[in-house]
């Protein structure tokens, strides 16, 4: 029998030029979105860190890592929403190993 849910993690980098309130609003938006479609297992805000290389003339970003459990159709939708959100510089959704 196939699994109904899988464990995933998403790491996304926000534009560091956002105000603290705007940054927290975006983080809360994605946390709520994940909770509506699954469960948040763990969430870590790494804060501002230097990027390995500049992206659109930006040399640092605000990193957030979220480990979650959801159905197999949600990660693609989450990736799409992260991709069209202006304040997100980069994101990656991956399947977690057991």
PDB file of N, CA and C in Angstrom:
ATOM      1  N   UNK A   1       0.841  -1.189   0.000  1.00  0.00           N
ATOM      2  CA  UNK A   1       0.000   0.000   0.000  1.00  0.00           C
ATOM      3  C   UNK A   1       0.884   1.251   0.000  1.00  0.00           C
ATOM      4  N   UNK A   2       0.548   2.219  -0.802  1.00  0.00           N
ATOM      5  CA  UNK A   2       1.341   3.433  -0.951  1.00  0.00           C
ATOM      6  C   UNK A   2       1.176   4.341   0.261  1.00  0.00           C
ATOM      7  N   UNK A   3       2.256   5.087   0.554  1.00  0.00           N
ATOM      8  CA  UNK A   3       2.191   6.052   1.649  1.00  0.00           C
ATOM      9  C   UNK A   3       1.299   7.218   1.252  1.00  0.00           C
ATOM     10  N   UNK A   4       0.558   7.720   2.222  1.00  0.00           N
ATOM     11  CA  UNK A   4      -0.314   8.866   1.963  1.00  0.00           C
ATOM     12  C   UNK A   4       0.449  10.162   2.167  1.00  0.00           C
ATOM     13  N   UNK A   5       1.402  10.163   3.104  1.00  0.00           N
ATOM     14  CA  UNK A   5       2.201  11.363   3.358  1.00  0.00           C
ATOM     15  C   UNK A   5       3.685  11.033   3.289  1.00  0.00           C
ATOM     16  N   UNK A   6       4.461  12.049   3.040  1.00  0.00           N
ATOM     17  CA  UNK A   6       5.917  11.939   3.002  1.00  0.00           C
ATOM     18  C   UNK A   6       6.511  13.070   3.823  1.00  0.00           C
ATOM     19  N   UNK A   7       7.773  12.931   4.200  1.00  0.00           N
ATOM     20  CA  UNK A   7       8.479  13.976   4.932  1.00  0.00           C
ATOM     21  C   UNK A   7       9.308  14.792   3.949  1.00  0.00           C
ATOM     22  N   UNK A   8       9.185  16.116   4.036  1.00  0.00           N
ATOM     23  CA  UNK A   8       9.885  17.026   3.144  1.00  0.00           C
ATOM     24  C   UNK A   8      10.578  18.106   3.954  1.00  0.00           C
ATOM     25  N   UNK A   9      11.454  18.842   3.278  1.00  0.00           N
ATOM     26  CA  UNK A   9      11.993  20.052   3.880  1.00  0.00           C
ATOM     27  C   UNK A   9      12.126  21.114   2.792  1.00  0.00           C
ATOM     28  N   UNK A  10      11.942  22.344   3.214  1.00  0.00           N
ATOM     29  CA  UNK A  10      12.088  23.463   2.295  1.00  0.00           C
ATOM     30  C   UNK A  10      13.046  24.463   2.931  1.00  0.00           C
ATOM     31  N   UNK A  11      14.006  24.911   2.133  1.00  0.00           N
ATOM     32  CA  UNK A  11      14.906  25.975   2.540  1.00  0.00           C
ATOM     33  C   UNK A  11      14.652  27.130   1.585  1.00  0.00           C
ATOM     34  N   UNK A  12      14.307  28.275   2.148  1.00  0.00           N
ATOM     35  CA  UNK A  12      14.122  29.444   1.282  1.00  0.00           C
ATOM     36  C   UNK A  12      14.891  30.627   1.828  1.00  0.00           C
ATOM     37  N   UNK A  13      15.301  31.500   0.909  1.00  0.00           N
ATOM     38  CA  UNK A  13      16.102  32.668   1.256  1.00  0.00           C
ATOM     39  C   UNK A  13      15.297  33.906   0.891  1.00  0.00           C
ATOM     40  N   UNK A  14      15.107  34.773   1.875  1.00  0.00           N
ATOM     41  CA  UNK A  14      14.354  36.007   1.664  1.00  0.00           C
ATOM     42  C   UNK A  14      15.300  37.174   1.426  1.00  0.00           C
ATOM     43  N   UNK A  15      14.785  38.177   0.742  1.00  0.00           N
ATOM     44  CA  UNK A  15      15.532  39.406   0.497  1.00  0.00           C
ATOM     45  C   UNK A  15      15.861  40.060   1.833  1.00  0.00           C
ATOM     46  N   UNK A  16      17.144  40.365   2.109  1.00  0.00           N
ATOM     47  CA  UNK A  16      17.523  40.929   3.402  1.00  0.00           C
ATOM     48  C   UNK A  16      17.109  42.396   3.564  1.00  0.00           C
ATOM     49  N   UNK A  17      16.677  43.023   2.495  1.00  0.00           N
ATOM     50  CA  UNK A  17      16.285  44.430   2.543  1.00  0.00           C
ATOM     51  C   UNK A  17      14.861  44.628   3.060  1.00  0.00           C
ATOM     52  N   UNK A  18      14.143  43.535   3.320  1.00  0.00           N
ATOM     53  CA  UNK A  18      12.801  43.642   3.887  1.00  0.00           C
ATOM     54  C   UNK A  18      12.899  44.113   5.332  1.00  0.00           C
ATOM     55  N   UNK A  19      11.889  44.823   5.792  1.00  0.00           N
ATOM     56  CA  UNK A  19      11.863  45.212   7.203  1.00  0.00           C
ATOM     57  C   UNK A  19      11.652  43.961   8.049  1.00  0.00           C
ATOM     58  N   UNK A  20      11.915  44.067   9.340  1.00  0.00           N
ATOM     59  CA  UNK A  20      11.755  42.919  10.229  1.00  0.00           C
ATOM     60  C   UNK A  20      10.310  42.438  10.245  1.00  0.00           C
ATOM     61  N   UNK A  21       9.360  43.376  10.207  1.00  0.00           N
ATOM     62  CA  UNK A  21       7.940  43.013  10.199  1.00  0.00           C
ATOM     63  C   UNK A  21       7.563  42.293   8.913  1.00  0.00           C
ATOM     64  N   UNK A  22       8.063  42.798   7.774  1.00  0.00           N
ATOM     65  CA  UNK A  22       7.771  42.165   6.489  1.00  0.00           C
ATOM     66  C   UNK A  22       8.373  40.756   6.414  1.00  0.00           C
ATOM     67  N   UNK A  23       9.592  40.611   6.925  1.00  0.00           N
ATOM     68  CA  UNK A  23      10.242  39.304   6.936  1.00  0.00           C
ATOM     69  C   UNK A  23       9.419  38.314   7.745  1.00  0.00           C
ATOM     70  N   UNK A  24       8.996  38.713   8.949  1.00  0.00           N
ATOM     71  CA  UNK A  24       8.199  37.824   9.795  1.00  0.00           C
ATOM     72  C   UNK A  24       6.841  37.514   9.162  1.00  0.00           C
ATOM     73  N   UNK A  25       6.274  38.480   8.442  1.00  0.00           N
ATOM     74  CA  UNK A  25       4.992  38.255   7.763  1.00  0.00           C
ATOM     75  C   UNK A  25       5.130  37.181   6.686  1.00  0.00           C
ATOM     76  N   UNK A  26       6.224  37.227   5.919  1.00  0.00           N
ATOM     77  CA  UNK A  26       6.447  36.231   4.864  1.00  0.00           C
ATOM     78  C   UNK A  26       6.700  34.855   5.483  1.00  0.00           C
ATOM     79  N   UNK A  27       7.511  34.802   6.542  1.00  0.00           N
ATOM     80  CA  UNK A  27       7.793  33.536   7.223  1.00  0.00           C
ATOM     81  C   UNK A  27       6.486  32.942   7.751  1.00  0.00           C
ATOM     82  N   UNK A  28       5.651  33.764   8.359  1.00  0.00           N
ATOM     83  CA  UNK A  28       4.371  33.304   8.910  1.00  0.00           C
ATOM     84  C   UNK A  28       3.426  32.849   7.791  1.00  0.00           C
ATOM     85  N   UNK A  29       3.480  33.543   6.653  1.00  0.00           N
ATOM     86  CA  UNK A  29       2.632  33.185   5.504  1.00  0.00           C
ATOM     87  C   UNK A  29       2.943  31.756   5.038  1.00  0.00           C
ATOM     88  N   UNK A  30       4.236  31.439   4.909  1.00  0.00           N
ATOM     89  CA  UNK A  30       4.602  30.107   4.435  1.00  0.00           C
ATOM     90  C   UNK A  30       4.373  29.046   5.503  1.00  0.00           C
ATOM     91  N   UNK A  31       4.562  29.398   6.770  1.00  0.00           N
ATOM     92  CA  UNK A  31       4.278  28.448   7.852  1.00  0.00           C
ATOM     93  C   UNK A  31       2.789  28.096   7.847  1.00  0.00           C
ATOM     94  N   UNK A  32       1.936  29.102   7.700  1.00  0.00           N
ATOM     95  CA  UNK A  32       0.486  28.875   7.658  1.00  0.00           C
ATOM     96  C   UNK A  32       0.098  28.042   6.447  1.00  0.00           C
ATOM     97  N   UNK A  33       0.691  28.339   5.295  1.00  0.00           N
ATOM     98  CA  UNK A  33       0.408  27.581   4.075  1.00  0.00           C
ATOM     99  C   UNK A  33       0.755  26.105   4.258  1.00  0.00           C
ATOM    100  N   UNK A  34       1.905  25.835   4.874  1.00  0.00           N
ATOM    101  CA  UNK A  34       2.323  24.451   5.106  1.00  0.00           C
ATOM    102  C   UNK A  34       1.376  23.776   6.098  1.00  0.00           C
ATOM    103  N   UNK A  35       0.989  24.492   7.154  1.00  0.00           N
ATOM    104  CA  UNK A  35       0.080  23.914   8.151  1.00  0.00           C
ATOM    105  C   UNK A  35      -1.296  23.600   7.568  1.00  0.00           C
ATOM    106  N   UNK A  36      -1.726  24.376   6.574  1.00  0.00           N
ATOM    107  CA  UNK A  36      -3.014  24.122   5.937  1.00  0.00           C
ATOM    108  C   UNK A  36      -2.985  22.871   5.069  1.00  0.00           C
ATOM    109  N   UNK A  37      -1.790  22.492   4.604  1.00  0.00           N
ATOM    110  CA  UNK A  37      -1.662  21.350   3.696  1.00  0.00           C
ATOM    111  C   UNK A  37      -0.893  20.178   4.290  1.00  0.00           C
ATOM    112  N   UNK A  38      -0.502  20.279   5.533  1.00  0.00           N
ATOM    113  CA  UNK A  38       0.267  19.217   6.188  1.00  0.00           C
ATOM    114  C   UNK A  38       0.573  19.622   7.612  1.00  0.00           C
ATOM    115  N   UNK A  39       1.691  19.133   8.125  1.00  0.00           N
ATOM    116  CA  UNK A  39       2.102  19.497   9.479  1.00  0.00           C
ATOM    117  C   UNK A  39       3.553  19.953   9.476  1.00  0.00           C
ATOM    118  N   UNK A  40       3.844  20.990  10.256  1.00  0.00           N
ATOM    119  CA  UNK A  40       5.213  21.478  10.405  1.00  0.00           C
ATOM    120  C   UNK A  40       5.867  20.648  11.497  1.00  0.00           C
ATOM    121  N   UNK A  41       6.939  19.938  11.154  1.00  0.00           N
ATOM    122  CA  UNK A  41       7.653  19.113  12.124  1.00  0.00           C
ATOM    123  C   UNK A  41       8.692  19.931  12.879  1.00  0.00           C
ATOM    124  N   UNK A  42       9.356  20.829  12.160  1.00  0.00           N
ATOM    125  CA  UNK A  42      10.422  21.632  12.754  1.00  0.00           C
ATOM    126  C   UNK A  42      10.627  22.862  11.881  1.00  0.00           C
ATOM    127  N   UNK A  43      10.932  23.991  12.530  1.00  0.00           N
ATOM    128  CA  UNK A  43      11.167  25.221  11.772  1.00  0.00           C
ATOM    129  C   UNK A  43      12.356  25.953  12.383  1.00  0.00           C
ATOM    130  N   UNK A  44      13.320  26.302  11.543  1.00  0.00           N
ATOM    131  CA  UNK A  44      14.506  27.014  12.007  1.00  0.00           C
ATOM    132  C   UNK A  44      14.691  28.274  11.173  1.00  0.00           C
ATOM    133  N   UNK A  45      14.790  29.406  11.848  1.00  0.00           N
ATOM    134  CA  UNK A  45      15.135  30.646  11.164  1.00  0.00           C
ATOM    135  C   UNK A  45      16.618  30.879  11.412  1.00  0.00           C
ATOM    136  N   UNK A  46      17.413  30.774  10.352  1.00  0.00           N
ATOM    137  CA  UNK A  46      18.853  30.920  10.485  1.00  0.00           C
ATOM    138  C   UNK A  46      19.275  32.386  10.485  1.00  0.00           C
ATOM    139  N   UNK A  47      18.390  33.265  10.058  1.00  0.00           N
ATOM    140  CA  UNK A  47      18.702  34.690  10.038  1.00  0.00           C
ATOM    141  C   UNK A  47      19.506  35.078   8.805  1.00  0.00           C
ATOM    142  N   UNK A  48      20.102  36.277   8.878  1.00  0.00           N
ATOM    143  CA  UNK A  48      20.870  36.781   7.727  1.00  0.00           C
ATOM    144  C   UNK A  48      22.224  36.102   7.653  1.00  0.00           C
ATOM    145  N   UNK A  49      22.537  35.655   6.446  1.00  0.00           N
ATOM    146  CA  UNK A  49      23.830  35.028   6.172  1.00  0.00           C
ATOM    147  C   UNK A  49      24.311  35.474   4.797  1.00  0.00           C
ATOM    148  N   UNK A  50      25.609  35.420   4.629  1.00  0.00           N
ATOM    149  CA  UNK A  50      26.204  35.783   3.345  1.00  0.00           C
ATOM    150  C   UNK A  50      25.937  34.672   2.333  1.00  0.00           C
ATOM    151  N   UNK A  51      25.552  35.060   1.125  1.00  0.00           N
ATOM    152  CA  UNK A  51      25.322  34.104   0.045  1.00  0.00           C
ATOM    153  C   UNK A  51      26.663  33.648  -0.538  1.00  0.00           C
ATOM    154  N   UNK A  52      26.695  32.478  -1.111  1.00  0.00           N
ATOM    155  CA  UNK A  52      27.909  31.968  -1.745  1.00  0.00           C
ATOM    156  C   UNK A  52      28.270  32.812  -2.971  1.00  0.00           C
ATOM    157  N   UNK A  53      27.255  33.348  -3.632  1.00  0.00           N
ATOM    158  CA  UNK A  53      27.458  34.232  -4.781  1.00  0.00           C
ATOM    159  C   UNK A  53      26.286  35.205  -4.834  1.00  0.00           C
ATOM    160  N   UNK A  54      26.512  36.339  -5.470  1.00  0.00           N
ATOM    161  CA  UNK A  54      25.462  37.347  -5.557  1.00  0.00           C
ATOM    162  C   UNK A  54      24.316  36.880  -6.439  1.00  0.00           C
ATOM    163  N   UNK A  55      23.104  37.205  -6.008  1.00  0.00           N
ATOM    164  CA  UNK A  55      21.906  36.938  -6.794  1.00  0.00           C
ATOM    165  C   UNK A  55      21.227  38.286  -6.998  1.00  0.00           C
ATOM    166  N   UNK A  56      21.121  38.733  -8.232  1.00  0.00           N
ATOM    167  CA  UNK A  56      20.531  40.042  -8.547  1.00  0.00           C
ATOM    168  C   UNK A  56      21.163  41.166  -7.722  1.00  0.00           C
ATOM    169  N   UNK A  57      22.491  41.151  -7.619  1.00  0.00           N
ATOM    170  CA  UNK A  57      23.271  42.163  -6.903  1.00  0.00           C
ATOM    171  C   UNK A  57      22.999  42.174  -5.398  1.00  0.00           C
ATOM    172  N   UNK A  58      22.516  41.070  -4.853  1.00  0.00           N
ATOM    173  CA  UNK A  58      22.287  40.934  -3.418  1.00  0.00           C
ATOM    174  C   UNK A  58      23.296  39.907  -2.899  1.00  0.00           C
ATOM    175  N   UNK A  59      24.043  40.263  -1.838  1.00  0.00           N
ATOM    176  CA  UNK A  59      25.113  39.381  -1.361  1.00  0.00           C
ATOM    177  C   UNK A  59      24.778  38.640  -0.063  1.00  0.00           C
ATOM    178  N   UNK A  60      23.628  38.947   0.561  1.00  0.00           N
ATOM    179  CA  UNK A  60      23.221  38.179   1.725  1.00  0.00           C
ATOM    180  C   UNK A  60      21.719  37.961   1.701  1.00  0.00           C
ATOM    181  N   UNK A  61      21.251  37.023   2.511  1.00  0.00           N
ATOM    182  CA  UNK A  61      19.832  36.714   2.529  1.00  0.00           C
ATOM    183  C   UNK A  61      19.408  36.210   3.892  1.00  0.00           C
ATOM    184  N   UNK A  62      18.100  36.168   4.127  1.00  0.00           N
ATOM    185  CA  UNK A  62      17.521  35.684   5.376  1.00  0.00           C
ATOM    186  C   UNK A  62      17.064  34.249   5.137  1.00  0.00           C
ATOM    187  N   UNK A  63      17.722  33.294   5.791  1.00  0.00           N
ATOM    188  CA  UNK A  63      17.482  31.868   5.552  1.00  0.00           C
ATOM    189  C   UNK A  63      16.434  31.306   6.501  1.00  0.00           C
ATOM    190  N   UNK A  64      15.537  30.461   5.963  1.00  0.00           N
ATOM    191  CA  UNK A  64      14.533  29.769   6.767  1.00  0.00           C
ATOM    192  C   UNK A  64      14.462  28.315   6.295  1.00  0.00           C
ATOM    193  N   UNK A  65      14.539  27.377   7.251  1.00  0.00           N
ATOM    194  CA  UNK A  65      14.433  25.949   6.963  1.00  0.00           C
ATOM    195  C   UNK A  65      13.194  25.419   7.674  1.00  0.00           C
ATOM    196  N   UNK A  66      12.320  24.746   6.912  1.00  0.00           N
ATOM    197  CA  UNK A  66      11.108  24.163   7.483  1.00  0.00           C
ATOM    198  C   UNK A  66      11.061  22.686   7.099  1.00  0.00           C
ATOM    199  N   UNK A  67      10.940  21.828   8.108  1.00  0.00           N
ATOM    200  CA  UNK A  67      10.751  20.394   7.871  1.00  0.00           C
ATOM    201  C   UNK A  67       9.269  20.117   8.091  1.00  0.00           C
ATOM    202  N   UNK A  68       8.646  19.436   7.132  1.00  0.00           N
ATOM    203  CA  UNK A  68       7.202  19.217   7.219  1.00  0.00           C
ATOM    204  C   UNK A  68       6.795  17.876   6.633  1.00  0.00           C
ATOM    205  N   UNK A  69       5.573  17.479   6.948  1.00  0.00           N
ATOM    206  CA  UNK A  69       4.985  16.250   6.425  1.00  0.00           C
ATOM    207  C   UNK A  69       3.723  16.630   5.667  1.00  0.00           C
ATOM    208  N   UNK A  70       3.577  16.118   4.445  1.00  0.00           N
ATOM    209  CA  UNK A  70       2.381  16.434   3.651  1.00  0.00           C
ATOM    210  C   UNK A  70       2.159  15.362   2.601  1.00  0.00           C
ATOM    211  N   UNK A  71       1.065  15.522   1.878  1.00  0.00           N
ATOM    212  CA  UNK A  71       0.783  14.642   0.756  1.00  0.00           C
ATOM    213  C   UNK A  71       1.760  14.927  -0.374  1.00  0.00           C
ATOM    214  N   UNK A  72       1.898  14.008  -1.316  1.00  0.00           N
ATOM    215  CA  UNK A  72       2.892  14.150  -2.391  1.00  0.00           C
ATOM    216  C   UNK A  72       2.600  15.257  -3.403  1.00  0.00           C
ATOM    217  N   UNK A  73       1.378  15.801  -3.423  1.00  0.00           N
ATOM    218  CA  UNK A  73       1.056  16.832  -4.401  1.00  0.00           C
ATOM    219  C   UNK A  73       1.404  18.238  -3.908  1.00  0.00           C
ATOM    220  N   UNK A  74       1.546  18.436  -2.601  1.00  0.00           N
ATOM    221  CA  UNK A  74       1.757  19.771  -2.046  1.00  0.00           C
ATOM    222  C   UNK A  74       3.130  20.383  -2.338  1.00  0.00           C
ATOM    223  N   UNK A  75       4.243  19.647  -2.273  1.00  0.00           N
ATOM    224  CA  UNK A  75       5.549  20.276  -2.501  1.00  0.00           C
ATOM    225  C   UNK A  75       5.675  21.011  -3.835  1.00  0.00           C
ATOM    226  N   UNK A  76       5.072  20.501  -4.883  1.00  0.00           N
ATOM    227  CA  UNK A  76       5.127  21.182  -6.179  1.00  0.00           C
ATOM    228  C   UNK A  76       4.390  22.518  -6.109  1.00  0.00           C
ATOM    229  N   UNK A  77       3.254  22.540  -5.428  1.00  0.00           N
ATOM    230  CA  UNK A  77       2.490  23.779  -5.266  1.00  0.00           C
ATOM    231  C   UNK A  77       3.258  24.768  -4.392  1.00  0.00           C
ATOM    232  N   UNK A  78       3.871  24.294  -3.324  1.00  0.00           N
ATOM    233  CA  UNK A  78       4.681  25.153  -2.459  1.00  0.00           C
ATOM    234  C   UNK A  78       5.840  25.764  -3.242  1.00  0.00           C
ATOM    235  N   UNK A  79       6.490  24.954  -4.047  1.00  0.00           N
ATOM    236  CA  UNK A  79       7.601  25.432  -4.870  1.00  0.00           C
ATOM    237  C   UNK A  79       7.131  26.502  -5.854  1.00  0.00           C
ATOM    238  N   UNK A  80       5.957  26.298  -6.430  1.00  0.00           N
ATOM    239  CA  UNK A  80       5.397  27.279  -7.368  1.00  0.00           C
ATOM    240  C   UNK A  80       5.125  28.605  -6.659  1.00  0.00           C
ATOM    241  N   UNK A  81       4.526  28.541  -5.476  1.00  0.00           N
ATOM    242  CA  UNK A  81       4.192  29.765  -4.735  1.00  0.00           C
ATOM    243  C   UNK A  81       5.468  30.488  -4.295  1.00  0.00           C
ATOM    244  N   UNK A  82       6.477  29.735  -3.846  1.00  0.00           N
ATOM    245  CA  UNK A  82       7.756  30.349  -3.482  1.00  0.00           C
ATOM    246  C   UNK A  82       8.384  31.046  -4.694  1.00  0.00           C
ATOM    247  N   UNK A  83       8.247  30.427  -5.861  1.00  0.00           N
ATOM    248  CA  UNK A  83       8.830  30.988  -7.077  1.00  0.00           C
ATOM    249  C   UNK A  83       8.197  32.284  -7.538  1.00  0.00           C
ATOM    250  N   UNK A  84       6.923  32.491  -7.219  1.00  0.00           N
ATOM    251  CA  UNK A  84       6.254  33.716  -7.669  1.00  0.00           C
ATOM    252  C   UNK A  84       6.163  34.784  -6.575  1.00  0.00           C
ATOM    253  N   UNK A  85       6.737  34.499  -5.406  1.00  0.00           N
ATOM    254  CA  UNK A  85       6.750  35.478  -4.320  1.00  0.00           C
ATOM    255  C   UNK A  85       7.975  36.374  -4.491  1.00  0.00           C
ATOM    256  N   UNK A  86       7.751  37.672  -4.629  1.00  0.00           N
ATOM    257  CA  UNK A  86       8.832  38.618  -4.921  1.00  0.00           C
ATOM    258  C   UNK A  86       9.923  38.661  -3.855  1.00  0.00           C
ATOM    259  N   UNK A  87       9.569  38.486  -2.598  1.00  0.00           N
ATOM    260  CA  UNK A  87      10.557  38.611  -1.524  1.00  0.00           C
ATOM    261  C   UNK A  87      11.444  37.374  -1.376  1.00  0.00           C
ATOM    262  N   UNK A  88      11.135  36.282  -2.081  1.00  0.00           N
ATOM    263  CA  UNK A  88      11.944  35.065  -2.014  1.00  0.00           C
ATOM    264  C   UNK A  88      13.005  35.103  -3.112  1.00  0.00           C
ATOM    265  N   UNK A  89      14.274  35.022  -2.690  1.00  0.00           N
ATOM    266  CA  UNK A  89      15.387  35.044  -3.655  1.00  0.00           C
ATOM    267  C   UNK A  89      15.591  33.658  -4.259  1.00  0.00           C
ATOM    268  N   UNK A  90      15.671  32.639  -3.399  1.00  0.00           N
ATOM    269  CA  UNK A  90      15.861  31.249  -3.834  1.00  0.00           C
ATOM    270  C   UNK A  90      15.092  30.327  -2.900  1.00  0.00           C
ATOM    271  N   UNK A  91      14.722  29.152  -3.409  1.00  0.00           N
ATOM    272  CA  UNK A  91      14.073  28.152  -2.564  1.00  0.00           C
ATOM    273  C   UNK A  91      14.339  26.766  -3.131  1.00  0.00           C
ATOM    274  N   UNK A  92      14.252  25.772  -2.242  1.00  0.00           N
ATOM    275  CA  UNK A  92      14.447  24.386  -2.648  1.00  0.00           C
ATOM    276  C   UNK A  92      13.608  23.494  -1.744  1.00  0.00           C
ATOM    277  N   UNK A  93      12.737  22.691  -2.351  1.00  0.00           N
ATOM    278  CA  UNK A  93      11.921  21.728  -1.619  1.00  0.00           C
ATOM    279  C   UNK A  93      12.467  20.346  -1.929  1.00  0.00           C
ATOM    280  N   UNK A  94      12.801  19.580  -0.877  1.00  0.00           N
ATOM    281  CA  UNK A  94      13.361  18.251  -1.080  1.00  0.00           C
ATOM    282  C   UNK A  94      12.653  17.225  -0.207  1.00  0.00           C
ATOM    283  N   UNK A  95      12.756  15.975  -0.602  1.00  0.00           N
ATOM    284  CA  UNK A  95      12.224  14.845   0.156  1.00  0.00           C
ATOM    285  C   UNK A  95      13.262  14.483   1.216  1.00  0.00           C
ATOM    286  N   UNK A  96      12.822  14.415   2.470  1.00  0.00           N
ATOM    287  CA  UNK A  96      13.743  14.082   3.572  1.00  0.00           C
ATOM    288  C   UNK A  96      13.951  12.585   3.642  1.00  0.00           C
ATOM    289  N   UNK A  97      15.147  12.180   3.961  1.00  0.00           N
ATOM    290  CA  UNK A  97      15.415  10.778   4.214  1.00  0.00           C
ATOM    291  C   UNK A  97      14.896  10.394   5.585  1.00  0.00           C
ATOM    292  N   UNK A  98      14.616   9.135   5.793  1.00  0.00           N
ATOM    293  CA  UNK A  98      14.110   8.677   7.094  1.00  0.00           C
ATOM    294  C   UNK A  98      15.227   8.818   8.060  1.00  0.00           C
TER     295      UNK A  98
END
